[in-house]
C-alpha atoms as a PDB file:
ATOM      1  CA  MET A   1     -87.520 -51.718  20.785  1.00  0.00           C
ATOM      2  CA  ASN A   2     -85.220 -54.693  21.287  1.00  0.00           C
ATOM      3  CA  LYS A   3     -82.572 -54.861  18.932  1.00  0.00           C
ATOM      4  CA  ARG A   4     -82.805 -58.530  18.876  1.00  0.00           C
ATOM      5  CA  THR A   5     -86.629 -58.717  18.225  1.00  0.00           C
ATOM      6  CA  VAL A   6     -87.722 -60.023  14.801  1.00  0.00           C
ATOM      7  CA  LEU A   7     -90.976 -60.412  13.337  1.00  0.00           C
ATOM      8  CA  LEU A   8     -91.777 -62.727  10.548  1.00  0.00           C
ATOM      9  CA  ALA A   9     -94.855 -61.997   8.551  1.00  0.00           C
ATOM     10  CA  ASP A  10     -95.581 -65.082   6.380  1.00  0.00           C
ATOM     11  CA  ASP A  11     -99.031 -67.145   5.736  1.00  0.00           C
ATOM     12  CA  ASP A  12     -96.928 -70.192   5.429  1.00  0.00           C
ATOM     13  CA  PRO A  13     -96.626 -72.004   8.724  1.00  0.00           C
ATOM     14  CA  GLY A  14     -93.723 -74.261   7.366  1.00  0.00           C
ATOM     15  CA  LEU A  15     -91.466 -71.164   6.731  1.00  0.00           C
ATOM     16  CA  ARG A  16     -92.405 -69.808  10.204  1.00  0.00           C
ATOM     17  CA  ARG A  17     -91.063 -72.797  11.705  1.00  0.00           C
ATOM     18  CA  LEU A  18     -87.771 -72.963   9.676  1.00  0.00           C
ATOM     19  CA  VAL A  19     -87.628 -69.040  10.178  1.00  0.00           C
ATOM     20  CA  GLY A  20     -88.005 -69.782  14.099  1.00  0.00           C
ATOM     21  CA  ALA A  21     -85.450 -72.814  14.447  1.00  0.00           C
ATOM     22  CA  THR A  22     -82.967 -70.574  12.522  1.00  0.00           C
ATOM     23  CA  LEU A  23     -83.321 -67.370  14.464  1.00  0.00           C
ATOM     24  CA  GLY A  24     -84.045 -68.942  17.557  1.00  0.00           C
ATOM     25  CA  SER A  25     -81.101 -70.959  17.587  1.00  0.00           C
ATOM     26  CA  GLU A  26     -79.150 -67.477  17.363  1.00  0.00           C
ATOM     27  CA  HIS A  27     -81.049 -66.150  20.518  1.00  0.00           C
ATOM     28  CA  PHE A  28     -83.171 -63.676  18.597  1.00  0.00           C
ATOM     29  CA  ASN A  29     -86.624 -62.677  20.063  1.00  0.00           C
ATOM     30  CA  LEU A  30     -88.999 -64.082  17.266  1.00  0.00           C
ATOM     31  CA  LEU A  31     -92.389 -62.773  16.918  1.00  0.00           C
ATOM     32  CA  SER A  32     -94.976 -63.964  14.130  1.00  0.00           C
ATOM     33  CA  ALA A  33     -97.787 -62.887  12.342  1.00  0.00           C
ATOM     34  CA  ALA A  34     -99.993 -65.136   9.464  1.00  0.00           C
ATOM     35  CA  ASP A  35    -101.507 -62.103   7.777  1.00  0.00           C
ATOM     36  CA  GLY A  36    -101.284 -58.471   6.779  1.00  0.00           C
ATOM     37  CA  GLU A  37    -103.424 -56.987   9.464  1.00  0.00           C
ATOM     38  CA  GLU A  38    -101.681 -58.853  12.313  1.00  0.00           C
ATOM     39  CA  THR A  39     -98.782 -57.764  11.085  1.00  0.00           C
ATOM     40  CA  LEU A  40     -99.686 -54.332  11.755  1.00  0.00           C
ATOM     41  CA  THR A  41    -100.938 -54.994  15.274  1.00  0.00           C
ATOM     42  CA  VAL A  42     -97.902 -56.854  16.221  1.00  0.00           C
ATOM     43  CA  ALA A  43     -95.713 -53.963  14.487  1.00  0.00           C
ATOM     44  CA  ARG A  44     -97.249 -51.521  16.332  1.00  0.00           C
ATOM     45  CA  GLN A  45     -97.505 -53.053  19.922  1.00  0.00           C
ATOM     46  CA  ARG A  46     -94.175 -54.629  20.256  1.00  0.00           C
ATOM     47  CA  LEU A  47     -92.094 -52.463  17.735  1.00  0.00           C
ATOM     48  CA  PRO A  48     -89.466 -55.186  16.491  1.00  0.00           C
ATOM     49  CA  ALA A  49     -85.979 -54.011  15.229  1.00  0.00           C
ATOM     50  CA  LEU A  50     -86.827 -55.892  12.051  1.00  0.00           C
ATOM     51  CA  ILE A  51     -89.424 -57.416   9.915  1.00  0.00           C
ATOM     52  CA  LEU A  52     -89.131 -60.336   7.494  1.00  0.00           C
ATOM     53  CA  LEU A  53     -92.049 -59.365   5.575  1.00  0.00           C
ATOM     54  CA  ASP A  54     -93.643 -61.747   3.049  1.00  0.00           C
ATOM     55  CA  ILE A  55     -95.417 -59.863  -0.316  1.00  0.00           C
ATOM     56  CA  ASN A  56     -98.177 -62.290  -0.676  1.00  0.00           C
ATOM     57  CA  MET A  57    -100.472 -62.433   2.231  1.00  0.00           C
ATOM     58  CA  PRO A  58    -104.008 -62.552   2.967  1.00  0.00           C
ATOM     59  CA  ARG A  59    -105.863 -59.291   4.553  1.00  0.00           C
ATOM     60  CA  ARG A  60    -103.291 -56.773   3.181  1.00  0.00           C
ATOM     61  CA  ASN A  61    -100.327 -57.818   1.008  1.00  0.00           C
ATOM     62  CA  GLY A  62     -96.658 -56.750   2.126  1.00  0.00           C
ATOM     63  CA  LEU A  63     -96.391 -54.051   0.098  1.00  0.00           C
ATOM     64  CA  GLU A  64     -99.342 -52.299   1.468  1.00  0.00           C
ATOM     65  CA  VAL A  65     -98.224 -53.178   5.183  1.00  0.00           C
ATOM     66  CA  CYS A  66     -94.719 -51.893   4.073  1.00  0.00           C
ATOM     67  CA  ARG A  67     -95.832 -48.705   3.172  1.00  0.00           C
ATOM     68  CA  MET A  68     -98.070 -47.952   6.201  1.00  0.00           C
ATOM     69  CA  LEU A  69     -95.354 -48.878   8.444  1.00  0.00           C
ATOM     70  CA  LYS A  70     -92.630 -46.816   6.990  1.00  0.00           C
ATOM     71  CA  ALA A  71     -95.292 -43.833   6.686  1.00  0.00           C
ATOM     72  CA  ASP A  72     -96.075 -44.202  10.562  1.00  0.00           C
ATOM     73  CA  PRO A  73     -93.416 -41.843  12.790  1.00  0.00           C
ATOM     74  CA  THR A  74     -93.710 -44.540  15.430  1.00  0.00           C
ATOM     75  CA  THR A  75     -92.963 -47.758  13.197  1.00  0.00           C
ATOM     76  CA  SER A  76     -90.603 -45.781  10.328  1.00  0.00           C
ATOM     77  CA  HIS A  77     -87.350 -46.617  12.222  1.00  0.00           C
ATOM     78  CA  ILE A  78     -88.561 -50.378  11.411  1.00  0.00           C
ATOM     79  CA  LYS A  79     -85.865 -52.343   9.207  1.00  0.00           C
ATOM     80  CA  ILE A  80     -88.173 -54.226   6.554  1.00  0.00           C
ATOM     81  CA  VAL A  81     -86.980 -57.080   4.320  1.00  0.00           C
ATOM     82  CA  MET A  82     -89.519 -58.146   1.811  1.00  0.00           C
ATOM     83  CA  LEU A  83     -89.828 -61.912   1.314  1.00  0.00           C
ATOM     84  CA  THR A  84     -90.877 -63.216  -2.072  1.00  0.00           C
ATOM     85  CA  ALA A  85     -90.870 -66.016  -4.251  1.00  0.00           C
ATOM     86  CA  SER A  86     -90.441 -63.895  -7.253  1.00  0.00           C
ATOM     87  CA  GLY A  87     -86.985 -62.423  -8.267  1.00  0.00           C
ATOM     88  CA  SER A  88     -88.389 -60.364 -11.010  1.00  0.00           C
ATOM     89  CA  ASP A  89     -87.225 -56.758 -11.334  1.00  0.00           C
ATOM     90  CA  VAL A  90     -90.764 -55.236 -11.312  1.00  0.00           C
ATOM     91  CA  ASP A  91     -91.270 -56.843  -7.976  1.00  0.00           C
ATOM     92  CA  ARG A  92     -87.947 -56.061  -6.483  1.00  0.00           C
ATOM     93  CA  THR A  93     -88.680 -52.318  -7.695  1.00  0.00           C
ATOM     94  CA  ARG A  94     -92.313 -52.600  -6.238  1.00  0.00           C
ATOM     95  CA  ALA A  95     -90.352 -53.381  -2.847  1.00  0.00           C
ATOM     96  CA  PHE A  96     -88.057 -50.421  -2.895  1.00  0.00           C
ATOM     97  CA  GLU A  97     -91.036 -47.912  -3.965  1.00  0.00           C
ATOM     98  CA  ALA A  98     -92.931 -49.189  -1.117  1.00  0.00           C
ATOM     99  CA  SER A  99     -89.759 -48.234   1.407  1.00  0.00           C
ATOM    100  CA  ALA A 100     -88.398 -51.868   2.034  1.00  0.00           C
ATOM    101  CA  ASP A 101     -84.936 -51.736   3.223  1.00  0.00           C
ATOM    102  CA  ASP A 102     -84.053 -55.127   1.492  1.00  0.00           C
ATOM    103  CA  TYR A 103     -85.489 -57.763  -0.759  1.00  0.00           C
ATOM    104  CA  PHE A 104     -85.088 -61.581  -0.287  1.00  0.00           C
ATOM    105  CA  VAL A 105     -86.185 -64.476  -2.284  1.00  0.00           C
ATOM    106  CA  LYS A 106     -87.609 -67.787  -1.218  1.00  0.00           C
ATOM    107  CA  PRO A 107     -86.696 -70.269  -0.931  1.00  0.00           C
ATOM    108  CA  PHE A 108     -83.478 -69.367   0.760  1.00  0.00           C
ATOM    109  CA  SER A 109     -80.677 -71.027   2.840  1.00  0.00           C
ATOM    110  CA  PRO A 110     -80.899 -70.413   6.626  1.00  0.00           C
ATOM    111  CA  ILE A 111     -77.385 -69.488   6.977  1.00  0.00           C
ATOM    112  CA  ALA A 112     -77.868 -66.503   4.206  1.00  0.00           C
ATOM    113  CA  LEU A 113     -80.784 -65.325   6.068  1.00  0.00           C
ATOM    114  CA  LEU A 114     -78.705 -64.933   9.423  1.00  0.00           C
ATOM    115  CA  ASP A 115     -76.248 -63.385   7.489  1.00  0.00           C
ATOM    116  CA  LYS A 116     -79.232 -60.979   6.099  1.00  0.00           C
ATOM    117  CA  VAL A 117     -80.475 -59.978   9.696  1.00  0.00           C
ATOM    118  CA  TYR A 118     -77.431 -59.736  11.479  1.00  0.00           C
ATOM    119  CA  ALA A 119     -76.061 -57.140   8.613  1.00  0.00           C
ATOM    120  CA  LEU A 120     -79.318 -55.389   8.996  1.00  0.00           C
ATOM    121  CA  LEU A 121     -78.928 -55.384  12.615  1.00  0.00           C
ATOM    122  CA  GLY A 122     -75.732 -54.550  13.449  1.00  0.00           C
END
């Protein structure tokens, strides 16, 4: 596991570009995935320190992916931040019930995202 490796799992290419520019400027090693199945594959192969995981994705939603990764001893240590456009208490509760480490509402400022990543990775 590389402490500077972050996996961004989101089906929105625009968001992947924004996060790539933000984290790349801080010298993070950024991986990306466009759906839930790809997220599982990349996470298991590369063991990132942190996953920024969209809740609503094709081929497995983020909540299911989060539960699967946290249940697997090989990937359970990976920090997972759920990304969503919904700031509802119900969605927040569902994310934490899936064992997410944190929850972040889109849209967000790049500076707020960097603060979140640094706080989780130390």
